[in-house]
Protein backbone atom coordinates (compact mmCIF):
# COMPACT_ATOMS: atom_id res chain seq x y z
CA MET A 1 -4.55 -2.59 37.36
CA HIS A 2 -2.82 -4.46 34.51
CA GLY A 3 0.60 -6.16 34.15
CA LEU A 4 2.44 -4.76 31.07
CA PRO A 5 4.56 -7.00 28.98
CA GLU A 6 7.57 -4.77 29.76
CA GLY A 7 7.38 -5.75 33.46
CA ALA A 8 5.56 -2.73 34.89
CA LEU A 9 2.07 -2.14 36.07
CA ALA A 10 -0.55 0.10 34.48
CA LEU A 11 -3.52 1.74 36.14
CA TYR A 12 -6.30 2.61 33.67
CA PRO A 13 -9.65 4.14 34.20
CA GLU A 14 -12.31 1.41 33.69
CA GLU A 15 -13.62 2.91 30.45
CA VAL A 16 -10.11 2.98 28.92
CA TYR A 17 -9.54 -0.66 29.96
CA ARG A 18 -12.84 -1.76 28.47
CA GLU A 19 -12.09 -0.09 25.14
CA MET A 20 -8.64 -1.76 25.06
CA ARG A 21 -10.22 -5.18 25.74
CA ALA A 22 -12.94 -4.70 23.11
CA ARG A 23 -10.20 -3.93 20.47
CA GLU A 24 -8.18 -6.94 21.52
CA LEU A 25 -11.20 -9.24 21.30
CA GLY A 26 -12.45 -7.68 18.02
CA ASP A 27 -11.67 -10.62 15.73
CA LEU A 28 -12.11 -13.82 17.75
CA ASP A 29 -11.18 -15.98 14.66
CA ALA A 30 -7.88 -14.26 14.46
CA VAL A 31 -7.32 -14.71 18.19
CA GLY A 32 -7.95 -18.43 17.81
CA ALA A 33 -5.40 -18.63 15.03
CA SER A 34 -2.66 -16.45 16.61
CA PHE A 35 -0.18 -17.65 19.20
CA ALA A 36 0.70 -14.00 20.05
CA ALA A 37 -2.98 -12.98 20.47
CA ARG A 38 -3.67 -15.99 22.73
CA ARG A 39 -0.55 -15.17 24.79
CA SER A 40 -1.80 -11.57 25.15
CA LEU A 41 -5.24 -12.77 26.32
CA ARG A 42 -3.62 -15.05 28.90
CA ARG A 43 -1.58 -12.12 30.20
CA PHE A 44 -4.61 -9.91 30.33
CA GLY A 45 -6.58 -12.58 32.18
CA ALA A 46 -3.88 -13.39 34.72
CA LEU A 47 -2.48 -9.95 35.30
CA THR A 48 -5.48 -7.74 35.40
CA ARG A 49 -7.73 -6.81 38.30
CA THR A 50 -10.32 -4.20 39.07
CA ASP A 51 -9.78 -2.14 42.13
CA ARG A 52 -10.76 1.20 43.66
CA LEU A 53 -8.79 3.90 45.46
CA THR A 54 -8.97 3.74 49.29
CA PRO A 55 -10.59 6.66 51.07
CA GLN A 56 -7.09 8.00 51.56
CA GLY A 57 -6.50 7.93 47.76
CA ARG A 58 -4.20 4.94 47.78
CA VAL A 59 -3.97 1.81 45.62
CA LEU A 60 -3.09 -1.52 47.20
CA ILE A 61 -0.83 -3.52 44.90
CA PRO A 62 -1.28 -7.25 45.55
CA GLU A 63 1.84 -9.38 46.14
CA THR A 64 1.59 -11.21 42.78
CA PHE A 65 1.52 -7.90 40.93
CA ARG A 66 4.47 -6.55 43.02
CA GLU A 67 6.45 -9.69 42.22
CA TYR A 68 5.58 -9.45 38.50
CA ALA A 69 6.73 -5.78 38.39
CA GLY A 70 9.81 -6.28 40.56
CA LEU A 71 8.44 -3.96 43.27
CA THR A 72 9.31 -4.29 46.93
CA ALA A 73 6.91 -3.02 49.63
CA GLY A 74 8.20 0.21 51.05
CA ALA A 75 10.76 0.67 48.24
CA GLU A 76 10.97 3.53 45.78
CA VAL A 77 8.93 3.26 42.56
CA ARG A 78 8.61 5.36 39.37
CA VAL A 79 5.13 6.55 38.58
CA VAL A 80 4.82 7.65 35.00
CA GLY A 81 1.78 9.39 33.58
CA VAL A 82 0.87 8.31 30.12
CA GLU A 83 -2.04 9.61 27.96
CA ILE A 84 -4.42 6.87 29.03
CA GLY A 85 -3.47 6.14 32.66
CA LEU A 86 -0.43 5.68 34.93
CA GLU A 87 2.40 3.20 34.88
CA ILE A 88 4.23 1.98 38.02
CA TRP A 89 7.83 0.83 37.50
CA SER A 90 10.73 -0.37 39.58
CA PRO A 91 13.47 2.25 39.13
CA GLU A 92 15.79 -0.36 37.60
CA ARG A 93 13.28 -1.54 35.02
CA PHE A 94 12.27 2.01 34.18
CA ALA A 95 15.91 2.92 33.48
CA ALA A 96 16.34 -0.15 31.31
CA GLU A 97 13.09 0.69 29.42
CA MET A 98 14.38 4.24 28.79
CA ASP A 99 17.69 2.87 27.53
CA ASP A 100 15.84 0.46 25.24
CA ALA A 101 13.56 3.25 23.99
CA ALA A 102 16.54 5.53 23.26
CA ALA A 103 18.37 2.74 21.41
CA ALA A 104 15.20 2.00 19.33
CA MET A 105 14.77 5.64 18.48
CA LYS A 106 18.48 5.92 17.44
CA ARG A 107 18.12 2.82 15.18
CA ARG A 108 14.97 4.26 13.68
CA ALA A 109 16.70 7.60 12.94
CA GLU A 110 19.62 5.86 11.36
CA GLU A 111 17.35 3.81 9.11
CA GLU A 112 15.41 6.91 8.11
CA PHE A 113 18.62 8.81 7.38
CA ALA A 114 20.04 5.92 5.35
CA GLY A 115 16.79 5.81 3.34
CA ALA A 116 16.91 9.53 2.67
CA PHE A 117 20.49 9.51 1.63
CA PRO A 118 21.26 6.22 -0.05
CA ALA A 119 24.90 5.33 -0.60
CA PRO A 120 26.12 6.09 -4.17
CA PRO A 121 26.38 3.12 -6.47
CA THR A 122 29.77 1.56 -6.63
CA THR A 123 31.62 0.96 -9.86
CA GLY A 124 33.63 -2.06 -10.69
CA GLY A 125 36.57 -0.05 -12.06
CA ARG A 126 39.07 2.32 -10.60
CA SER A 127 38.50 6.03 -10.32
């Protein structure tokens, strides 16, 4: 179980998590010199825990993780399957994330379109 920077929780199989950690720790000199890398390591350390499914196939989400992800015990959540695991979102945060993703995709499309069809050069005189 891992707290994502977007404010959701991720559940990864242990082998996926270990591979992610190995990549993150790949260049320790770079980690020591990078504010962003150290911040990421702190988040990984503080917001990650190993757990197992209960015999009923359930996952207990500790209070600190629920607070981090804006989840309320007994309330509705969004469980999203991703290629490497599952994400657990509060419905409000998931909606905001989808809005942000759509806006980012729109900006990217506009930038690509503008690059493919640059504006014609302007002339100083009248036409």
